[in-house]
Amino acid sequence: MRKKKIDFKKYADMHDEIELTGKDGTKIHVRNHISYADKIQMARDVIEQCVMIHDDSCCYEGVGIFAEKIKAMVKYYTNLQVDDADANDVADFVINNELIEQIREYIHDDYYEAEDVYVTLMNSVMTTYADDMSLKKAVKTSFGFLFNGEDITESMAKAELTKDTLFNALDAINKKEEEARSKMDDGRLNVGGNILNFAKRE
């Protein structure tokens, strides 16, 4: 069976558009579909603004997510330029101009898929963060004395170097003890070929 070649790129841009008029007379164009790549980027935009990751903690900014999601919706589904705008200002604009419900109704089916992408990415971020923190905690517990603010890779290298140094020192001590034992037999010590007898005489 002959394989069929499809131009997938043209399907990413297949959408219908409507013009909506706000309460103040502002007219905007809204598309009912965005590409999957745009859905992923839209989810990333929201997550970048709502998840704050520090050295040993992760904070989910739930209060600002409502405005950030509205800004992302407007940015990707309409012709309004909102890149540099504050998310709260964008939310106020579409809500007070009675545009938000009209936009949501028109993009409903496609935005449902976008929400799935957002949830998947958010779960991935939180799981990855949790795994990363578990590893860092395990390393800090074992090698905490080595940490003074440097990169974890450097700290792990220091731990490896410390371990090697300790093992080398122990090897050297063991060798000296072995040499001493081999020279001594029942109280006799071999010094330069001469046998010194320290055994108790009866």
C-alpha atoms as a PDB file:
ATOM      1  CA  MET A   1       0.000   0.000   0.000  1.00  0.00           C
ATOM      2  CA  ARG A   2       1.376   3.391  -1.007  1.00  0.00           C
ATOM      3  CA  LYS A   3       1.895   5.868   1.833  1.00  0.00           C
ATOM      4  CA  LYS A   4       0.105   9.195   1.519  1.00  0.00           C
ATOM      5  CA  LYS A   5       1.977  12.422   2.171  1.00  0.00           C
ATOM      6  CA  ILE A   6       0.008  15.084   4.005  1.00  0.00           C
ATOM      7  CA  ASP A   7       0.933  18.738   4.409  1.00  0.00           C
ATOM      8  CA  PHE A   8       0.385  18.896   8.171  1.00  0.00           C
ATOM      9  CA  LYS A   9       1.406  22.545   8.473  1.00  0.00           C
ATOM     10  CA  LYS A  10      -1.675  23.804   6.654  1.00  0.00           C
ATOM     11  CA  TYR A  11      -3.944  22.114   9.191  1.00  0.00           C
ATOM     12  CA  ALA A  12      -2.359  24.005  12.085  1.00  0.00           C
ATOM     13  CA  ASP A  13      -3.715  27.271  10.658  1.00  0.00           C
ATOM     14  CA  MET A  14      -7.216  26.046   9.805  1.00  0.00           C
ATOM     15  CA  HIS A  15      -9.631  28.163  11.795  1.00  0.00           C
ATOM     16  CA  ASP A  16     -12.723  30.326  11.529  1.00  0.00           C
ATOM     17  CA  GLU A  17     -12.817  33.904  12.754  1.00  0.00           C
ATOM     18  CA  ILE A  18     -15.478  36.227  14.052  1.00  0.00           C
ATOM     19  CA  GLU A  19     -15.482  39.904  14.950  1.00  0.00           C
ATOM     20  CA  LEU A  20     -16.695  40.858  18.397  1.00  0.00           C
ATOM     21  CA  THR A  21     -17.587  44.352  19.614  1.00  0.00           C
ATOM     22  CA  GLY A  22     -16.935  45.393  23.188  1.00  0.00           C
ATOM     23  CA  LYS A  23     -19.152  47.583  25.351  1.00  0.00           C
ATOM     24  CA  ASP A  24     -16.925  50.597  24.587  1.00  0.00           C
ATOM     25  CA  GLY A  25     -17.054  49.956  20.812  1.00  0.00           C
ATOM     26  CA  THR A  26     -13.684  48.201  20.556  1.00  0.00           C
ATOM     27  CA  LYS A  27     -13.728  45.570  17.808  1.00  0.00           C
ATOM     28  CA  ILE A  28     -11.573  42.430  18.085  1.00  0.00           C
ATOM     29  CA  HIS A  29     -11.103  39.362  15.896  1.00  0.00           C
ATOM     30  CA  VAL A  30     -11.280  35.932  17.553  1.00  0.00           C
ATOM     31  CA  ARG A  31     -10.194  32.643  15.967  1.00  0.00           C
ATOM     32  CA  ASN A  32     -11.836  29.405  17.073  1.00  0.00           C
ATOM     33  CA  HIS A  33      -8.713  27.232  16.745  1.00  0.00           C
ATOM     34  CA  ILE A  34      -4.979  27.552  17.440  1.00  0.00           C
ATOM     35  CA  SER A  35      -2.212  25.088  16.617  1.00  0.00           C
ATOM     36  CA  TYR A  36      -1.095  22.458  19.113  1.00  0.00           C
ATOM     37  CA  ALA A  37       2.306  24.206  19.281  1.00  0.00           C
ATOM     38  CA  ASP A  38       0.521  27.420  20.323  1.00  0.00           C
ATOM     39  CA  LYS A  39      -1.452  25.498  22.951  1.00  0.00           C
ATOM     40  CA  ILE A  40       1.808  24.242  24.451  1.00  0.00           C
ATOM     41  CA  GLN A  41       3.338  27.730  24.406  1.00  0.00           C
ATOM     42  CA  MET A  42       0.187  29.219  25.928  1.00  0.00           C
ATOM     43  CA  ALA A  43       0.381  26.711  28.798  1.00  0.00           C
ATOM     44  CA  ARG A  44       4.070  27.523  29.289  1.00  0.00           C
ATOM     45  CA  ASP A  45       3.315  31.259  29.444  1.00  0.00           C
ATOM     46  CA  VAL A  46       0.832  30.701  32.278  1.00  0.00           C
ATOM     47  CA  ILE A  47       3.078  28.271  34.174  1.00  0.00           C
ATOM     48  CA  GLU A  48       6.082  30.609  33.965  1.00  0.00           C
ATOM     49  CA  GLN A  49       4.045  33.342  35.631  1.00  0.00           C
ATOM     50  CA  CYS A  50       2.309  31.174  38.235  1.00  0.00           C
ATOM     51  CA  VAL A  51       4.970  28.728  39.441  1.00  0.00           C
ATOM     52  CA  MET A  52       7.846  30.206  41.416  1.00  0.00           C
ATOM     53  CA  ILE A  53      10.731  27.795  42.033  1.00  0.00           C
ATOM     54  CA  HIS A  54      13.403  28.653  44.571  1.00  0.00           C
ATOM     55  CA  ASP A  55      16.411  26.644  45.790  1.00  0.00           C
ATOM     56  CA  ASP A  56      14.427  24.359  48.060  1.00  0.00           C
ATOM     57  CA  SER A  57      10.781  25.329  47.646  1.00  0.00           C
ATOM     58  CA  CYS A  58       8.108  25.566  44.989  1.00  0.00           C
ATOM     59  CA  CYS A  59       5.302  28.096  45.223  1.00  0.00           C
ATOM     60  CA  TYR A  60       2.159  27.878  43.079  1.00  0.00           C
ATOM     61  CA  GLU A  61       0.672  31.346  42.676  1.00  0.00           C
ATOM     62  CA  GLY A  62      -2.999  30.427  42.617  1.00  0.00           C
ATOM     63  CA  VAL A  63      -4.288  33.977  43.088  1.00  0.00           C
ATOM     64  CA  GLY A  64      -2.830  35.318  39.831  1.00  0.00           C
ATOM     65  CA  ILE A  65      -3.669  32.347  37.644  1.00  0.00           C
ATOM     66  CA  PHE A  66      -7.150  33.626  36.710  1.00  0.00           C
ATOM     67  CA  ALA A  67      -5.772  36.813  35.144  1.00  0.00           C
ATOM     68  CA  GLU A  68      -2.805  35.002  33.556  1.00  0.00           C
ATOM     69  CA  LYS A  69      -5.098  32.493  31.855  1.00  0.00           C
ATOM     70  CA  ILE A  70      -7.288  35.297  30.484  1.00  0.00           C
ATOM     71  CA  LYS A  71      -4.221  37.142  29.179  1.00  0.00           C
ATOM     72  CA  ALA A  72      -2.974  33.943  27.481  1.00  0.00           C
ATOM     73  CA  MET A  73      -6.423  33.330  25.975  1.00  0.00           C
ATOM     74  CA  VAL A  74      -6.541  36.867  24.556  1.00  0.00           C
ATOM     75  CA  LYS A  75      -2.940  36.673  23.318  1.00  0.00           C
ATOM     76  CA  TYR A  76      -3.354  33.413  21.382  1.00  0.00           C
ATOM     77  CA  TYR A  77      -7.010  33.518  20.284  1.00  0.00           C
ATOM     78  CA  THR A  78      -7.489  37.209  19.404  1.00  0.00           C
ATOM     79  CA  ASN A  79      -5.737  39.881  17.368  1.00  0.00           C
ATOM     80  CA  LEU A  80      -5.041  42.075  20.435  1.00  0.00           C
ATOM     81  CA  GLN A  81      -1.357  42.748  21.222  1.00  0.00           C
ATOM     82  CA  VAL A  82      -1.010  42.017  24.940  1.00  0.00           C
ATOM     83  CA  ASP A  83       2.591  40.709  25.245  1.00  0.00           C
ATOM     84  CA  ASP A  84       3.781  43.610  27.420  1.00  0.00           C
ATOM     85  CA  ALA A  85       0.481  44.259  29.178  1.00  0.00           C
ATOM     86  CA  ASP A  86      -0.187  43.419  32.807  1.00  0.00           C
ATOM     87  CA  ALA A  87      -2.403  40.328  33.120  1.00  0.00           C
ATOM     88  CA  ASN A  88      -4.802  42.097  35.519  1.00  0.00           C
ATOM     89  CA  ASP A  89      -5.273  44.975  33.050  1.00  0.00           C
ATOM     90  CA  VAL A  90      -6.049  42.533  30.222  1.00  0.00           C
ATOM     91  CA  ALA A  91      -8.559  40.695  32.427  1.00  0.00           C
ATOM     92  CA  ASP A  92     -10.233  43.970  33.428  1.00  0.00           C
ATOM     93  CA  PHE A  93     -10.490  45.026  29.771  1.00  0.00           C
ATOM     94  CA  VAL A  94     -12.246  41.892  28.462  1.00  0.00           C
ATOM     95  CA  ILE A  95     -14.457  41.499  31.534  1.00  0.00           C
ATOM     96  CA  ASN A  96     -15.597  45.151  31.741  1.00  0.00           C
ATOM     97  CA  ASN A  97     -16.138  45.285  27.975  1.00  0.00           C
ATOM     98  CA  GLU A  98     -18.361  42.193  28.209  1.00  0.00           C
ATOM     99  CA  LEU A  99     -16.083  40.292  25.812  1.00  0.00           C
ATOM    100  CA  ILE A 100     -14.899  37.448  28.026  1.00  0.00           C
ATOM    101  CA  GLU A 101     -18.054  35.311  27.791  1.00  0.00           C
ATOM    102  CA  GLN A 102     -18.317  35.827  24.034  1.00  0.00           C
ATOM    103  CA  ILE A 103     -14.687  34.794  23.563  1.00  0.00           C
ATOM    104  CA  ARG A 104     -15.079  31.733  25.786  1.00  0.00           C
ATOM    105  CA  GLU A 105     -18.221  30.614  24.000  1.00  0.00           C
ATOM    106  CA  TYR A 106     -16.601  30.890  20.567  1.00  0.00           C
ATOM    107  CA  ILE A 107     -13.361  29.076  21.448  1.00  0.00           C
ATOM    108  CA  HIS A 108     -14.926  26.606  23.889  1.00  0.00           C
ATOM    109  CA  ASP A 109     -14.089  23.298  22.160  1.00  0.00           C
ATOM    110  CA  ASP A 110     -10.538  24.227  21.207  1.00  0.00           C
ATOM    111  CA  TYR A 111      -9.775  25.840  24.578  1.00  0.00           C
ATOM    112  CA  TYR A 112     -10.873  22.632  26.308  1.00  0.00           C
ATOM    113  CA  GLU A 113      -7.953  20.896  24.580  1.00  0.00           C
ATOM    114  CA  ALA A 114      -5.642  23.764  25.557  1.00  0.00           C
ATOM    115  CA  GLU A 115      -6.637  23.240  29.202  1.00  0.00           C
ATOM    116  CA  ASP A 116      -5.668  19.556  28.912  1.00  0.00           C
ATOM    117  CA  VAL A 117      -2.222  20.617  27.680  1.00  0.00           C
ATOM    118  CA  TYR A 118      -1.913  23.041  30.606  1.00  0.00           C
ATOM    119  CA  VAL A 119      -2.838  20.398  33.189  1.00  0.00           C
ATOM    120  CA  THR A 120      -0.406  17.880  31.658  1.00  0.00           C
ATOM    121  CA  LEU A 121       2.466  20.376  31.645  1.00  0.00           C
ATOM    122  CA  MET A 122       1.707  21.566  35.178  1.00  0.00           C
ATOM    123  CA  ASN A 123       1.719  17.980  36.482  1.00  0.00           C
ATOM    124  CA  SER A 124       4.996  17.350  34.670  1.00  0.00           C
ATOM    125  CA  VAL A 125       6.593  20.477  36.165  1.00  0.00           C
ATOM    126  CA  MET A 126       5.484  19.623  39.706  1.00  0.00           C
ATOM    127  CA  THR A 127       6.585  15.964  39.402  1.00  0.00           C
ATOM    128  CA  THR A 128       9.968  16.923  37.951  1.00  0.00           C
ATOM    129  CA  TYR A 129      10.441  19.504  40.709  1.00  0.00           C
ATOM    130  CA  ALA A 130       9.521  16.969  43.417  1.00  0.00           C
ATOM    131  CA  ASP A 131      11.975  14.411  41.995  1.00  0.00           C
ATOM    132  CA  ASP A 132      14.710  17.048  41.758  1.00  0.00           C
ATOM    133  CA  MET A 133      14.153  18.135  45.356  1.00  0.00           C
ATOM    134  CA  SER A 134      14.273  14.504  46.553  1.00  0.00           C
ATOM    135  CA  LEU A 135      17.665  14.058  44.874  1.00  0.00           C
ATOM    136  CA  LYS A 136      19.017  17.335  46.277  1.00  0.00           C
ATOM    137  CA  LYS A 137      17.819  16.464  49.785  1.00  0.00           C
ATOM    138  CA  ALA A 138      19.456  13.044  49.593  1.00  0.00           C
ATOM    139  CA  VAL A 139      22.742  14.597  48.480  1.00  0.00           C
ATOM    140  CA  LYS A 140      22.578  17.317  51.140  1.00  0.00           C
ATOM    141  CA  THR A 141      21.923  14.721  53.840  1.00  0.00           C
ATOM    142  CA  SER A 142      24.965  12.701  52.789  1.00  0.00           C
ATOM    143  CA  PHE A 143      27.358  15.500  51.853  1.00  0.00           C
ATOM    144  CA  GLY A 144      25.915  18.572  53.559  1.00  0.00           C
ATOM    145  CA  PHE A 145      29.295  19.587  54.998  1.00  0.00           C
ATOM    146  CA  LEU A 146      30.564  20.201  51.459  1.00  0.00           C
ATOM    147  CA  PHE A 147      27.874  22.697  50.456  1.00  0.00           C
ATOM    148  CA  ASN A 148      28.734  26.367  50.484  1.00  0.00           C
ATOM    149  CA  GLY A 149      26.527  27.695  47.681  1.00  0.00           C
ATOM    150  CA  GLU A 150      28.280  26.179  44.681  1.00  0.00           C
ATOM    151  CA  ASP A 151      26.653  24.175  41.921  1.00  0.00           C
ATOM    152  CA  ILE A 152      25.496  20.686  42.902  1.00  0.00           C
ATOM    153  CA  THR A 153      27.789  19.160  40.250  1.00  0.00           C
ATOM    154  CA  GLU A 154      30.811  20.793  41.888  1.00  0.00           C
ATOM    155  CA  SER A 155      29.673  19.557  45.286  1.00  0.00           C
ATOM    156  CA  MET A 156      29.294  16.006  44.006  1.00  0.00           C
ATOM    157  CA  ALA A 157      32.801  16.219  42.518  1.00  0.00           C
ATOM    158  CA  LYS A 158      34.133  17.396  45.897  1.00  0.00           C
ATOM    159  CA  ALA A 159      32.385  14.501  47.619  1.00  0.00           C
ATOM    160  CA  GLU A 160      33.982  12.062  45.168  1.00  0.00           C
ATOM    161  CA  LEU A 161      37.409  13.637  45.720  1.00  0.00           C
ATOM    162  CA  THR A 162      36.993  13.477  49.509  1.00  0.00           C
ATOM    163  CA  LYS A 163      35.988   9.823  49.289  1.00  0.00           C
ATOM    164  CA  ASP A 164      39.035   8.998  47.116  1.00  0.00           C
ATOM    165  CA  THR A 165      41.371  10.846  49.493  1.00  0.00           C
ATOM    166  CA  LEU A 166      39.995   8.978  52.508  1.00  0.00           C
ATOM    167  CA  PHE A 167      40.305   5.600  50.797  1.00  0.00           C
ATOM    168  CA  ASN A 168      43.878   6.391  49.685  1.00  0.00           C
ATOM    169  CA  ALA A 169      44.831   7.358  53.239  1.00  0.00           C
ATOM    170  CA  LEU A 170      43.288   4.148  54.611  1.00  0.00           C
ATOM    171  CA  ASP A 171      45.166   2.100  51.985  1.00  0.00           C
ATOM    172  CA  ALA A 172      48.457   3.729  52.988  1.00  0.00           C
ATOM    173  CA  ILE A 173      47.826   2.980  56.691  1.00  0.00           C
ATOM    174  CA  ASN A 174      46.902  -0.634  55.901  1.00  0.00           C
ATOM    175  CA  LYS A 175      50.066  -1.104  53.841  1.00  0.00           C
ATOM    176  CA  LYS A 176      52.259   0.208  56.661  1.00  0.00           C
ATOM    177  CA  GLU A 177      50.557  -2.090  59.133  1.00  0.00           C
ATOM    178  CA  GLU A 178      51.030  -5.037  56.767  1.00  0.00           C
ATOM    179  CA  GLU A 179      54.728  -4.199  56.350  1.00  0.00           C
ATOM    180  CA  ALA A 180      55.162  -3.940  60.113  1.00  0.00           C
ATOM    181  CA  ARG A 181      53.404  -7.295  60.623  1.00  0.00           C
ATOM    182  CA  SER A 182      55.506  -8.991  57.958  1.00  0.00           C
ATOM    183  CA  LYS A 183      58.709  -7.815  59.648  1.00  0.00           C
ATOM    184  CA  MET A 184      57.628  -8.939  63.079  1.00  0.00           C
ATOM    185  CA  ASP A 185      57.237 -12.625  63.953  1.00  0.00           C
ATOM    186  CA  ASP A 186      56.757 -13.818  67.541  1.00  0.00           C
ATOM    187  CA  GLY A 187      58.551 -10.823  68.991  1.00  0.00           C
ATOM    188  CA  ARG A 188      61.347 -10.677  66.378  1.00  0.00           C
ATOM    189  CA  LEU A 189      61.866  -7.612  64.177  1.00  0.00           C
ATOM    190  CA  ASN A 190      63.818  -7.688  60.907  1.00  0.00           C
ATOM    191  CA  VAL A 191      65.838  -4.455  60.617  1.00  0.00           C
ATOM    192  CA  GLY A 192      68.156  -4.248  57.620  1.00  0.00           C
ATOM    193  CA  GLY A 193      68.710  -7.985  57.573  1.00  0.00           C
ATOM    194  CA  ASN A 194      69.488  -8.175  61.325  1.00  0.00           C
ATOM    195  CA  ILE A 195      66.954  -9.998  63.487  1.00  0.00           C
ATOM    196  CA  LEU A 196      66.177  -8.311  66.773  1.00  0.00           C
ATOM    197  CA  ASN A 197      64.449 -10.607  69.224  1.00  0.00           C
ATOM    198  CA  PHE A 198      62.002  -8.959  71.610  1.00  0.00           C
ATOM    199  CA  ALA A 199      60.394 -12.176  72.712  1.00  0.00           C
ATOM    200  CA  LYS A 200      60.395 -12.804  76.471  1.00  0.00           C
ATOM    201  CA  ARG A 201      63.140 -15.092  77.512  1.00  0.00           C
ATOM    202  CA  GLU A 202      62.156 -17.922  79.829  1.00  0.00           C
END
